[in-house]
Amino acid sequence: MRTTVDIPDPLYRELKSKAAMEGRSVKELILRGVEGELRPPSKSKERTSRQKIRLPILKSKEPGTLNLDNERIFDLIGFP
């Protein structure tokens, strides 16, 4: 279905710029936004995105009081 939407010029320029940076069309971004409003992400998708992040965990004898400098961080985390 076709429809007409008035988007203020500054907002449209920002939208067009974002679309270009992502290699998408303005239409794709608009549809993604509309779908996001109508179908919020499911709980399973939220859990999946959380599982992808892996932070380096550093153990401390006194949690919350770990004082580190760059040299100590490089010693604790195996950087290539």
Protein backbone atom coordinates (compact mmCIF):
# COMPACT_ATOMS: atom_id res chain seq x y z
CA MET A 1 0.00 0.00 0.00
CA ARG A 2 1.24 3.47 -0.78
CA THR A 3 0.87 6.38 1.59
CA THR A 4 2.19 9.91 1.95
CA VAL A 5 3.92 11.09 5.09
CA ASP A 6 5.23 14.61 5.67
CA ILE A 7 8.66 14.43 7.29
CA PRO A 8 10.34 17.70 8.28
CA ASP A 9 13.38 18.48 6.09
CA PRO A 10 16.02 18.28 8.88
CA LEU A 11 14.66 14.91 10.03
CA TYR A 12 14.51 13.58 6.47
CA ARG A 13 18.13 14.61 5.85
CA GLU A 14 19.16 12.77 9.01
CA LEU A 15 17.13 9.72 7.95
CA LYS A 16 18.66 9.75 4.46
CA SER A 17 22.16 10.09 5.89
CA LYS A 18 21.64 7.17 8.28
CA ALA A 19 20.25 5.04 5.46
CA ALA A 20 23.30 5.78 3.33
CA MET A 21 25.70 4.98 6.19
CA GLU A 22 23.96 1.63 6.76
CA GLY A 23 23.75 0.83 3.04
CA ARG A 24 19.94 0.73 3.22
CA SER A 25 17.15 2.66 1.58
CA VAL A 26 15.07 5.30 3.34
CA LYS A 27 12.06 3.02 2.79
CA GLU A 28 13.79 0.17 4.64
CA LEU A 29 14.53 2.39 7.64
CA ILE A 30 10.98 3.73 7.75
CA LEU A 31 9.52 0.20 7.56
CA ARG A 32 11.91 -0.99 10.27
CA GLY A 33 10.76 1.88 12.49
CA VAL A 34 7.09 1.16 11.89
CA GLU A 35 7.59 -2.55 12.58
CA GLY A 36 9.47 -1.69 15.76
CA GLU A 37 6.50 0.33 16.95
CA LEU A 38 3.98 -2.35 16.07
CA ARG A 39 5.99 -5.43 17.03
CA PRO A 40 8.35 -4.82 19.93
CA PRO A 41 11.22 -7.32 20.11
CA SER A 42 10.34 -10.64 21.71
CA LYS A 43 11.96 -11.81 24.92
CA SER A 44 13.89 -14.53 23.07
CA LYS A 45 15.59 -11.95 20.83
CA GLU A 46 16.56 -9.87 23.86
CA ARG A 47 18.11 -12.90 25.55
CA THR A 48 20.02 -13.82 22.41
CA SER A 49 21.53 -10.36 22.07
CA ARG A 50 22.56 -10.39 25.74
CA GLN A 51 24.28 -13.75 25.33
CA LYS A 52 26.51 -12.44 22.53
CA ILE A 53 28.35 -10.05 24.87
CA ARG A 54 31.21 -11.57 26.80
CA LEU A 55 33.00 -9.32 29.20
CA PRO A 56 36.34 -10.20 30.71
CA ILE A 57 35.64 -10.99 34.37
CA LEU A 58 38.43 -10.24 36.81
CA LYS A 59 38.21 -11.85 40.24
CA SER A 60 38.97 -9.78 43.28
CA LYS A 61 39.35 -10.66 46.93
CA GLU A 62 37.51 -7.41 47.69
CA PRO A 63 34.81 -6.85 45.02
CA GLY A 64 34.42 -3.25 43.97
CA THR A 65 37.92 -2.30 45.06
CA LEU A 66 40.03 -3.62 42.20
CA ASN A 67 42.62 -1.00 41.26
CA LEU A 68 44.11 -1.59 37.84
CA ASP A 69 46.49 0.20 35.56
CA ASN A 70 47.10 -0.65 31.89
CA GLU A 71 50.08 -2.88 32.65
CA ARG A 72 48.07 -4.97 35.13
CA ILE A 73 45.15 -5.27 32.69
CA PHE A 74 47.47 -6.61 29.99
CA ASP A 75 48.81 -9.15 32.52
CA LEU A 76 45.32 -10.35 33.52
CA ILE A 77 43.75 -10.51 30.05
CA GLY A 78 45.50 -12.52 27.38
CA PHE A 79 45.86 -10.03 24.56
CA PRO A 80 47.34 -11.39 21.32
